[in-house]
Amino acid sequence: MALNKDKIFKAADKAIGANKIEKAIKEYETWLNESPRDWNIVRQVGDLYSRVGRRDEAIKKYALVGRPSCRGSARRGWARLLLGF
């Protein structure tokens, strides 16, 4: 079954706006189950895990983003982790 990207992302954005970070993580993880190489979302989920204090999960996401197979702005997740943002 194809997922509706817009619907998932709107729900995640709404959850972030309401400071319901765990709900936003669940929404994005739903998308990542379908599209695991969406590096910007992988990084976003890493940022959200970091925001709620789940550093181990954040590191796992940032490690995925830091692999040579991904390119562009998604690699910045490592810098955010190392600099403590």
C-alpha atoms as a PDB file:
ATOM      1  CA  MET A   1       0.000   0.000   0.000  1.00  0.00           C
ATOM      2  CA  ALA A   2       1.408   3.375  -0.982  1.00  0.00           C
ATOM      3  CA  LEU A   3       1.699   5.946   1.758  1.00  0.00           C
ATOM      4  CA  ASN A   4       0.528   9.523   1.417  1.00  0.00           C
ATOM      5  CA  LYS A   5       3.716  11.538   1.987  1.00  0.00           C
ATOM      6  CA  ASP A   6       1.920  14.874   2.318  1.00  0.00           C
ATOM      7  CA  LYS A   7      -0.484  13.538   4.918  1.00  0.00           C
ATOM      8  CA  ILE A   8       2.327  11.994   6.987  1.00  0.00           C
ATOM      9  CA  PHE A   9       4.490  15.118   6.816  1.00  0.00           C
ATOM     10  CA  LYS A  10       1.597  17.435   7.700  1.00  0.00           C
ATOM     11  CA  ALA A  11       0.766  15.262  10.712  1.00  0.00           C
ATOM     12  CA  ALA A  12       4.429  15.290  11.793  1.00  0.00           C
ATOM     13  CA  ASP A  13       4.690  19.067  11.373  1.00  0.00           C
ATOM     14  CA  LYS A  14       1.491  19.559  13.354  1.00  0.00           C
ATOM     15  CA  ALA A  15       2.824  17.302  16.137  1.00  0.00           C
ATOM     16  CA  ILE A  16       6.100  19.256  16.258  1.00  0.00           C
ATOM     17  CA  GLY A  17       4.144  22.508  16.454  1.00  0.00           C
ATOM     18  CA  ALA A  18       2.221  21.109  19.416  1.00  0.00           C
ATOM     19  CA  ASN A  19       5.497  19.921  21.003  1.00  0.00           C
ATOM     20  CA  LYS A  20       4.404  16.268  20.617  1.00  0.00           C
ATOM     21  CA  ILE A  21       7.813  15.120  19.441  1.00  0.00           C
ATOM     22  CA  GLU A  22       7.258  11.392  20.029  1.00  0.00           C
ATOM     23  CA  LYS A  23       4.177  11.517  17.802  1.00  0.00           C
ATOM     24  CA  ALA A  24       6.167  13.307  15.090  1.00  0.00           C
ATOM     25  CA  ILE A  25       8.871  10.635  15.324  1.00  0.00           C
ATOM     26  CA  LYS A  26       6.248   7.918  14.818  1.00  0.00           C
ATOM     27  CA  GLU A  27       4.871   9.698  11.764  1.00  0.00           C
ATOM     28  CA  TYR A  28       8.303  10.092  10.188  1.00  0.00           C
ATOM     29  CA  GLU A  29       9.272   6.506  11.044  1.00  0.00           C
ATOM     30  CA  THR A  30       6.152   5.378   9.173  1.00  0.00           C
ATOM     31  CA  TRP A  31       7.493   7.169   6.112  1.00  0.00           C
ATOM     32  CA  LEU A  32      11.002   5.784   6.604  1.00  0.00           C
ATOM     33  CA  ASN A  33       9.668   2.223   6.647  1.00  0.00           C
ATOM     34  CA  GLU A  34       8.554   2.891   3.067  1.00  0.00           C
ATOM     35  CA  SER A  35      11.473   5.124   1.989  1.00  0.00           C
ATOM     36  CA  PRO A  36      14.520   4.342   4.158  1.00  0.00           C
ATOM     37  CA  ARG A  37      16.879   6.382   1.947  1.00  0.00           C
ATOM     38  CA  ASP A  38      15.088   9.679   2.423  1.00  0.00           C
ATOM     39  CA  TRP A  39      18.213  11.133   4.053  1.00  0.00           C
ATOM     40  CA  ASN A  40      16.702  14.475   4.989  1.00  0.00           C
ATOM     41  CA  ILE A  41      13.966  12.737   6.953  1.00  0.00           C
ATOM     42  CA  VAL A  42      16.467  10.333   8.531  1.00  0.00           C
ATOM     43  CA  ARG A  43      18.394  13.393   9.740  1.00  0.00           C
ATOM     44  CA  GLN A  44      15.183  15.077  10.899  1.00  0.00           C
ATOM     45  CA  VAL A  45      14.268  12.011  12.949  1.00  0.00           C
ATOM     46  CA  GLY A  46      17.777  12.034  14.431  1.00  0.00           C
ATOM     47  CA  ASP A  47      17.248  15.665  15.420  1.00  0.00           C
ATOM     48  CA  LEU A  48      13.914  14.820  17.022  1.00  0.00           C
ATOM     49  CA  TYR A  49      15.384  11.889  18.943  1.00  0.00           C
ATOM     50  CA  SER A  50      18.097  14.218  20.207  1.00  0.00           C
ATOM     51  CA  ARG A  51      15.481  16.772  21.223  1.00  0.00           C
ATOM     52  CA  VAL A  52      13.708  14.276  23.485  1.00  0.00           C
ATOM     53  CA  GLY A  53      16.949  12.955  24.974  1.00  0.00           C
ATOM     54  CA  ARG A  54      17.075   9.654  23.086  1.00  0.00           C
ATOM     55  CA  ARG A  55      20.740  10.014  22.146  1.00  0.00           C
ATOM     56  CA  ASP A  56      21.320   6.357  21.220  1.00  0.00           C
ATOM     57  CA  GLU A  57      18.559   6.465  18.613  1.00  0.00           C
ATOM     58  CA  ALA A  58      19.770   9.865  17.389  1.00  0.00           C
ATOM     59  CA  ILE A  59      23.294   8.525  16.933  1.00  0.00           C
ATOM     60  CA  LYS A  60      21.974   5.567  14.936  1.00  0.00           C
ATOM     61  CA  LYS A  61      20.110   7.900  12.585  1.00  0.00           C
ATOM     62  CA  TYR A  62      23.088  10.237  12.235  1.00  0.00           C
ATOM     63  CA  ALA A  63      25.315   7.228  11.511  1.00  0.00           C
ATOM     64  CA  LEU A  64      23.026   6.306   8.613  1.00  0.00           C
ATOM     65  CA  VAL A  65      23.177   9.854   7.299  1.00  0.00           C
ATOM     66  CA  GLY A  66      26.962   9.978   7.624  1.00  0.00           C
ATOM     67  CA  ARG A  67      27.509   6.999   5.359  1.00  0.00           C
ATOM     68  CA  PRO A  68      29.174   7.707   2.024  1.00  0.00           C
ATOM     69  CA  SER A  69      26.064   6.554   0.155  1.00  0.00           C
ATOM     70  CA  CYS A  70      24.161   9.696   1.110  1.00  0.00           C
ATOM     71  CA  ARG A  71      24.936  13.163  -0.117  1.00  0.00           C
ATOM     72  CA  GLY A  72      24.218  16.817   0.456  1.00  0.00           C
ATOM     73  CA  SER A  73      22.677  18.547   3.418  1.00  0.00           C
ATOM     74  CA  ALA A  74      21.758  15.282   5.100  1.00  0.00           C
ATOM     75  CA  ARG A  75      25.408  14.815   6.099  1.00  0.00           C
ATOM     76  CA  ARG A  76      25.152  17.864   8.331  1.00  0.00           C
ATOM     77  CA  GLY A  77      23.532  15.665  10.989  1.00  0.00           C
ATOM     78  CA  TRP A  78      26.998  14.628  12.123  1.00  0.00           C
ATOM     79  CA  ALA A  79      28.031  18.229  12.616  1.00  0.00           C
ATOM     80  CA  ARG A  80      24.928  18.889  14.679  1.00  0.00           C
ATOM     81  CA  LEU A  81      25.662  15.875  16.864  1.00  0.00           C
ATOM     82  CA  LEU A  82      29.328  16.751  17.341  1.00  0.00           C
ATOM     83  CA  LEU A  83      28.603  20.396  18.101  1.00  0.00           C
ATOM     84  CA  GLY A  84      25.788  19.561  20.522  1.00  0.00           C
ATOM     85  CA  PHE A  85      22.901  21.218  18.668  1.00  0.00           C
END
